[in-house]
Amino acid sequence: MLDEELARIRAHRNNVHRYRRLLKTRLSALERQFIERRLSEESSALEALTSQTFPIALTMPATAVLPATTGAAP
């Protein structure tokens, strides 16, 4: 089951990369609008699937400050 979910994540990620590459090319307004909509849909699907597959995310609080190292041994 995990293999299937990882394959789906890869497919969504590849689609996101493909749409981003396409946006760097010359497109008509209609094509650009379509690709931007698809990019948004794929990004949302990727985010949902990733958070469902890997529910625990280790995040560092924005206010956390790492101690400065002086280079001296303790």
N, C-alpha and C. Protein backbone atom coordinates (compact mmCIF):
# COMPACT_ATOMS: atom_id res chain seq x y z
N MET A 1 0.84 -1.19 0.00
CA MET A 1 0.00 0.00 0.00
C MET A 1 0.88 1.26 0.00
N LEU A 2 1.96 1.24 0.77
CA LEU A 2 2.84 2.40 0.81
C LEU A 2 3.48 2.63 -0.55
N ASP A 3 3.81 1.53 -1.25
CA ASP A 3 4.40 1.65 -2.58
C ASP A 3 3.45 2.37 -3.54
N GLU A 4 2.16 2.07 -3.45
CA GLU A 4 1.17 2.72 -4.31
C GLU A 4 1.07 4.21 -3.99
N GLU A 5 1.09 4.53 -2.71
CA GLU A 5 1.00 5.93 -2.31
C GLU A 5 2.25 6.70 -2.73
N LEU A 6 3.41 6.06 -2.61
CA LEU A 6 4.64 6.72 -3.06
C LEU A 6 4.64 6.92 -4.57
N ALA A 7 4.09 5.98 -5.30
CA ALA A 7 3.98 6.13 -6.76
C ALA A 7 3.05 7.28 -7.10
N ARG A 8 1.96 7.41 -6.38
CA ARG A 8 1.04 8.53 -6.62
C ARG A 8 1.70 9.86 -6.28
N ILE A 9 2.46 9.91 -5.19
CA ILE A 9 3.18 11.13 -4.82
C ILE A 9 4.16 11.50 -5.93
N ARG A 10 4.90 10.50 -6.42
CA ARG A 10 5.85 10.75 -7.52
C ARG A 10 5.16 11.29 -8.75
N ALA A 11 4.00 10.71 -9.09
CA ALA A 11 3.26 11.15 -10.27
C ALA A 11 2.81 12.61 -10.12
N HIS A 12 2.28 12.95 -8.96
CA HIS A 12 1.85 14.35 -8.72
C HIS A 12 3.04 15.29 -8.76
N ARG A 13 4.16 14.88 -8.13
CA ARG A 13 5.36 15.72 -8.13
C ARG A 13 5.89 15.93 -9.54
N ASN A 14 5.90 14.87 -10.33
CA ASN A 14 6.34 15.00 -11.72
C ASN A 14 5.43 15.93 -12.51
N ASN A 15 4.13 15.84 -12.27
CA ASN A 15 3.20 16.73 -12.96
C ASN A 15 3.43 18.19 -12.58
N VAL A 16 3.68 18.42 -11.30
CA VAL A 16 3.97 19.79 -10.84
C VAL A 16 5.20 20.33 -11.56
N HIS A 17 6.25 19.53 -11.63
CA HIS A 17 7.47 19.96 -12.32
C HIS A 17 7.21 20.22 -13.80
N ARG A 18 6.43 19.36 -14.42
CA ARG A 18 6.11 19.53 -15.84
C ARG A 18 5.35 20.83 -16.07
N TYR A 19 4.36 21.10 -15.24
CA TYR A 19 3.57 22.34 -15.41
C TYR A 19 4.43 23.57 -15.16
N ARG A 20 5.33 23.51 -14.19
CA ARG A 20 6.22 24.66 -13.94
C ARG A 20 7.13 24.91 -15.13
N ARG A 21 7.62 23.83 -15.75
CA ARG A 21 8.46 23.99 -16.95
C ARG A 21 7.64 24.59 -18.09
N LEU A 22 6.41 24.13 -18.24
CA LEU A 22 5.57 24.67 -19.31
C LEU A 22 5.28 26.15 -19.13
N LEU A 23 5.15 26.59 -17.89
CA LEU A 23 4.87 28.00 -17.64
C LEU A 23 6.04 28.90 -18.04
N LYS A 24 7.23 28.33 -18.19
CA LYS A 24 8.39 29.11 -18.60
C LYS A 24 8.47 29.26 -20.12
N THR A 25 7.54 28.64 -20.84
CA THR A 25 7.54 28.71 -22.30
C THR A 25 6.53 29.75 -22.78
N ARG A 26 6.53 29.99 -24.08
CA ARG A 26 5.55 30.92 -24.67
C ARG A 26 4.21 30.21 -24.77
N LEU A 27 3.21 30.80 -24.16
CA LEU A 27 1.87 30.22 -24.15
C LEU A 27 0.84 31.29 -24.44
N SER A 28 -0.28 30.86 -24.99
CA SER A 28 -1.39 31.79 -25.15
C SER A 28 -2.01 32.01 -23.77
N ALA A 29 -2.83 33.01 -23.65
CA ALA A 29 -3.47 33.30 -22.36
C ALA A 29 -4.33 32.13 -21.90
N LEU A 30 -5.02 31.50 -22.84
CA LEU A 30 -5.88 30.37 -22.51
C LEU A 30 -5.05 29.17 -22.04
N GLU A 31 -3.94 28.90 -22.73
CA GLU A 31 -3.06 27.80 -22.32
C GLU A 31 -2.46 28.06 -20.95
N ARG A 32 -2.01 29.28 -20.72
CA ARG A 32 -1.42 29.64 -19.44
C ARG A 32 -2.44 29.48 -18.31
N GLN A 33 -3.66 29.91 -18.56
CA GLN A 33 -4.71 29.80 -17.55
C GLN A 33 -4.98 28.33 -17.22
N PHE A 34 -5.05 27.49 -18.25
CA PHE A 34 -5.28 26.06 -18.04
C PHE A 34 -4.14 25.44 -17.23
N ILE A 35 -2.91 25.73 -17.61
CA ILE A 35 -1.76 25.14 -16.93
C ILE A 35 -1.66 25.63 -15.49
N GLU A 36 -1.95 26.89 -15.25
CA GLU A 36 -1.93 27.40 -13.87
C GLU A 36 -2.98 26.71 -13.02
N ARG A 37 -4.16 26.46 -13.61
CA ARG A 37 -5.22 25.76 -12.87
C ARG A 37 -4.79 24.32 -12.57
N ARG A 38 -4.21 23.64 -13.55
CA ARG A 38 -3.75 22.27 -13.35
C ARG A 38 -2.61 22.22 -12.33
N LEU A 39 -1.73 23.19 -12.37
CA LEU A 39 -0.63 23.26 -11.40
C LEU A 39 -1.19 23.40 -9.98
N SER A 40 -2.17 24.24 -9.83
CA SER A 40 -2.79 24.42 -8.53
C SER A 40 -3.45 23.13 -8.05
N GLU A 41 -4.15 22.45 -8.94
CA GLU A 41 -4.83 21.19 -8.59
C GLU A 41 -3.81 20.11 -8.22
N GLU A 42 -2.76 20.00 -9.00
CA GLU A 42 -1.74 18.99 -8.73
C GLU A 42 -1.01 19.29 -7.43
N SER A 43 -0.71 20.57 -7.17
CA SER A 43 -0.03 20.95 -5.93
C SER A 43 -0.89 20.61 -4.72
N SER A 44 -2.19 20.89 -4.82
CA SER A 44 -3.10 20.58 -3.72
C SER A 44 -3.20 19.08 -3.50
N ALA A 45 -3.29 18.32 -4.58
CA ALA A 45 -3.37 16.86 -4.46
C ALA A 45 -2.08 16.31 -3.86
N LEU A 46 -0.96 16.84 -4.28
CA LEU A 46 0.33 16.40 -3.73
C LEU A 46 0.42 16.69 -2.24
N GLU A 47 0.04 17.89 -1.86
CA GLU A 47 0.07 18.27 -0.44
C GLU A 47 -0.85 17.38 0.39
N ALA A 48 -2.06 17.13 -0.09
CA ALA A 48 -3.01 16.30 0.65
C ALA A 48 -2.51 14.86 0.78
N LEU A 49 -2.01 14.31 -0.31
CA LEU A 49 -1.52 12.94 -0.28
C LEU A 49 -0.28 12.80 0.60
N THR A 50 0.60 13.78 0.54
CA THR A 50 1.81 13.75 1.36
C THR A 50 1.47 13.83 2.84
N SER A 51 0.56 14.72 3.20
CA SER A 51 0.21 14.85 4.61
C SER A 51 -0.57 13.63 5.10
N GLN A 52 -1.28 12.97 4.21
CA GLN A 52 -2.01 11.76 4.57
C GLN A 52 -1.05 10.58 4.72
N THR A 53 -0.07 10.50 3.84
CA THR A 53 0.88 9.39 3.85
C THR A 53 1.89 9.53 4.98
N PHE A 54 2.34 10.76 5.21
CA PHE A 54 3.33 11.04 6.26
C PHE A 54 2.72 12.06 7.23
N PRO A 55 1.85 11.61 8.15
CA PRO A 55 1.12 12.55 9.01
C PRO A 55 1.97 13.27 10.03
N ILE A 56 3.12 12.72 10.39
CA ILE A 56 3.96 13.36 11.39
C ILE A 56 5.02 14.18 10.68
N ALA A 57 5.00 15.46 10.92
CA ALA A 57 6.01 16.34 10.33
C ALA A 57 6.78 17.01 11.45
N LEU A 58 8.07 16.95 11.37
CA LEU A 58 8.90 17.60 12.37
C LEU A 58 9.19 19.01 11.89
N THR A 59 8.68 19.97 12.60
CA THR A 59 8.89 21.36 12.22
C THR A 59 9.53 22.09 13.38
N MET A 60 10.33 23.06 13.04
CA MET A 60 10.99 23.87 14.06
C MET A 60 10.19 25.17 14.19
N PRO A 61 9.84 25.55 15.40
CA PRO A 61 9.11 26.80 15.58
C PRO A 61 9.90 27.97 15.00
N ALA A 62 9.21 28.94 14.45
CA ALA A 62 9.86 30.09 13.83
C ALA A 62 10.62 30.92 14.86
N THR A 63 10.23 30.85 16.11
CA THR A 63 10.86 31.67 17.14
C THR A 63 12.06 30.98 17.79
N ALA A 64 12.30 29.73 17.43
CA ALA A 64 13.42 29.01 18.03
C ALA A 64 14.74 29.59 17.56
N VAL A 65 15.66 29.74 18.49
CA VAL A 65 16.97 30.26 18.17
C VAL A 65 18.00 29.20 18.54
N LEU A 66 18.85 28.87 17.59
CA LEU A 66 19.87 27.89 17.87
C LEU A 66 21.02 28.55 18.62
N PRO A 67 21.63 27.85 19.57
CA PRO A 67 22.74 28.44 20.32
C PRO A 67 23.93 28.64 19.39
N ALA A 68 24.64 29.71 19.60
CA ALA A 68 25.82 30.01 18.78
C ALA A 68 26.96 29.13 19.23
N THR A 69 27.73 28.66 18.26
CA THR A 69 28.89 27.85 18.62
C THR A 69 30.13 28.72 18.54
N THR A 70 31.00 28.54 19.50
CA THR A 70 32.21 29.37 19.55
C THR A 70 33.40 28.65 18.97
N GLY A 71 33.25 27.35 18.66
CA GLY A 71 34.36 26.62 18.13
C GLY A 71 35.23 25.99 19.20
N ALA A 72 35.00 26.35 20.46
CA ALA A 72 35.78 25.79 21.57
C ALA A 72 35.11 24.51 22.02
N ALA A 73 35.92 23.55 22.42
CA ALA A 73 35.39 22.28 22.92
C ALA A 73 34.81 22.50 24.30
N PRO A 74 33.72 21.81 24.63
CA PRO A 74 33.10 21.99 25.97
C PRO A 74 33.92 21.38 27.07
